[in-house]
Every structure is written in C-alpha cells, then in structure tokens.
Amino acid sequence: MYRAIFLFCLLLSGPSQAAEGDYALVIQGNRFVPEELVVPAGKKVRLVVENRDDTPEEFESHGLNREKIVPAHTSVVLYIGPLSAGVYPFFGDYHETTARGSIIAR
C-alpha cells in the first residue's frame, strides 16, 4: 500500500527537476528563434536545437566553443556552461546572413 501511495505522489509531483536547465532554439526559415536566449550565468544548461527546415543547418559559436550540424527535421542537444555573465553570439554556418543570434548569460 505504501508503495502505491509513493507512486501516486510521484505522478502528482509533475515534471522532473532535470528539465529545469533545458533551453530551446528552433531553426525555421533559415533563422534561429528566438534570436536572443537568456540563460543563467554560472550554471550548466542543456540546449535543444530543433531544425524545422527542409535543409540542414550548423549551429556554430566561437564564444561557446560549439559547432554542431542539425539535419533537416531533427533536433540535437548541446550542453553549455557554466558561463560567465555576458553575450555569446552564434550563427548558422549554412545561412550566415539570416541565421544569427546570441545567448545571454545573466
């Protein structure tokens, strides 16, 4: 009986704490949405990049030291941080003029 009550309480507690550090970027129309993403400074975060376009894109950031190809209609996960407070620009290597943005650590 105690096991059933414990499982019921787990179901009521909602999503796991692990999801708190998740942040998302979407590639659509050869652009990143949102163009500015605010994350907490001093914490490691999980960044999910979803490409909704019919062509691949590459998430690239020299400041974050990250470079990852995101095939069409898929998602990739990047772990970044902990970051010092500041602005970290990123761009899409395949559509550099339109696919641009920044991660802002506060």
Protein backbone atom coordinates (compact mmCIF):
# COMPACT_ATOMS: atom_id res chain seq x y z
CA MET A 1 0.00 0.00 0.00
CA TYR A 2 2.80 2.44 0.87
CA ARG A 3 4.39 1.73 -2.50
CA ALA A 4 1.14 2.65 -4.29
CA ILE A 5 0.88 5.90 -2.31
CA PHE A 6 4.53 6.73 -3.11
CA LEU A 7 3.97 6.14 -6.85
CA PHE A 8 0.79 8.22 -6.78
CA CYS A 9 2.68 11.10 -5.12
CA LEU A 10 5.40 10.87 -7.78
CA LEU A 11 2.79 11.19 -10.52
CA LEU A 12 1.28 14.27 -8.87
CA SER A 13 4.64 15.97 -8.44
CA GLY A 14 4.88 16.83 -12.15
CA PRO A 15 7.99 17.01 -14.33
CA SER A 16 11.40 16.11 -13.00
CA GLN A 17 13.79 18.76 -11.74
CA ALA A 18 16.23 17.77 -14.50
CA ALA A 19 14.07 19.65 -17.03
CA GLU A 20 14.70 22.99 -15.29
CA GLY A 21 18.00 23.54 -17.11
CA ASP A 22 16.57 22.92 -20.60
CA TYR A 23 16.50 25.72 -23.17
CA ALA A 24 15.35 25.55 -26.79
CA LEU A 25 16.21 27.14 -30.10
CA VAL A 26 14.24 26.49 -33.30
CA ILE A 27 15.60 26.83 -36.81
CA GLN A 28 12.80 27.94 -39.12
CA GLY A 29 13.01 29.89 -42.36
CA ASN A 30 16.82 29.83 -42.12
CA ARG A 31 16.64 31.78 -38.84
CA PHE A 32 17.08 30.96 -35.17
CA VAL A 33 14.03 31.54 -32.97
CA PRO A 34 14.41 33.22 -30.56
CA GLU A 35 17.34 35.31 -31.72
CA GLU A 36 18.26 36.06 -28.10
CA LEU A 37 18.12 33.35 -25.46
CA VAL A 38 18.73 34.23 -21.80
CA VAL A 39 20.29 31.55 -19.59
CA PRO A 40 21.54 31.71 -16.01
CA ALA A 41 25.20 32.59 -15.55
CA GLY A 42 27.26 30.10 -13.57
CA LYS A 43 25.08 27.06 -14.42
CA LYS A 44 25.41 24.29 -16.96
CA VAL A 45 22.38 24.18 -19.27
CA ARG A 46 21.01 21.75 -21.83
CA LEU A 47 20.30 23.43 -25.17
CA VAL A 48 17.96 21.65 -27.59
CA VAL A 49 18.24 22.92 -31.17
CA GLU A 50 15.34 21.83 -33.40
CA ASN A 51 15.59 22.26 -37.17
CA ARG A 52 12.13 22.60 -38.74
CA ASP A 53 13.55 23.49 -42.17
CA ASP A 54 13.91 21.15 -45.14
CA THR A 55 17.69 21.73 -45.26
CA PRO A 56 20.43 21.17 -42.69
CA GLU A 57 21.94 23.97 -40.65
CA GLU A 58 25.00 24.20 -38.46
CA PHE A 59 24.86 25.78 -35.02
CA GLU A 60 28.22 27.46 -34.54
CA SER A 61 29.58 29.67 -31.78
CA HIS A 62 33.21 30.59 -31.27
CA GLY A 63 32.48 32.04 -27.82
CA LEU A 64 30.74 28.86 -26.69
CA ASN A 65 33.28 26.65 -28.47
CA ARG A 66 30.46 24.67 -30.11
CA GLU A 67 29.84 23.52 -33.66
CA LYS A 68 27.08 21.04 -34.46
CA ILE A 69 25.24 20.13 -37.67
CA VAL A 70 21.47 19.92 -37.25
CA PRO A 71 19.97 17.83 -40.06
CA ALA A 72 16.57 18.80 -41.51
CA HIS A 73 13.58 17.93 -39.31
CA THR A 74 15.67 16.74 -36.37
CA SER A 75 16.92 18.02 -33.04
CA VAL A 76 20.32 17.97 -31.39
CA VAL A 77 21.31 18.53 -27.78
CA LEU A 78 24.24 20.69 -26.71
CA TYR A 79 25.48 21.22 -23.16
CA ILE A 80 26.88 24.67 -22.49
CA GLY A 81 28.29 26.36 -19.44
CA PRO A 82 28.67 27.16 -16.78
CA LEU A 83 29.02 30.55 -18.48
CA SER A 84 30.28 33.83 -17.12
CA ALA A 85 27.81 36.71 -17.43
CA GLY A 86 27.94 38.06 -20.97
CA VAL A 87 26.79 37.74 -24.55
CA TYR A 88 27.74 34.72 -26.67
CA PRO A 89 26.94 35.14 -30.39
CA PHE A 90 26.06 32.13 -32.54
CA PHE A 91 25.26 31.67 -36.22
CA GLY A 92 24.18 29.13 -38.79
CA ASP A 93 27.15 28.30 -40.95
CA TYR A 94 24.97 27.43 -43.98
CA HIS A 95 22.83 30.60 -43.85
CA GLU A 96 25.16 33.01 -42.11
CA THR A 97 23.38 36.19 -43.23
CA THR A 98 19.99 35.23 -41.74
CA ALA A 99 20.68 32.56 -39.09
CA ARG A 100 22.18 34.64 -36.27
CA GLY A 101 21.59 35.08 -32.59
CA SER A 102 23.03 35.38 -29.11
CA ILE A 103 22.93 33.53 -25.83
CA ILE A 104 22.91 35.98 -22.94
CA ALA A 105 24.14 34.68 -19.60
CA ARG A 106 22.86 36.70 -16.60
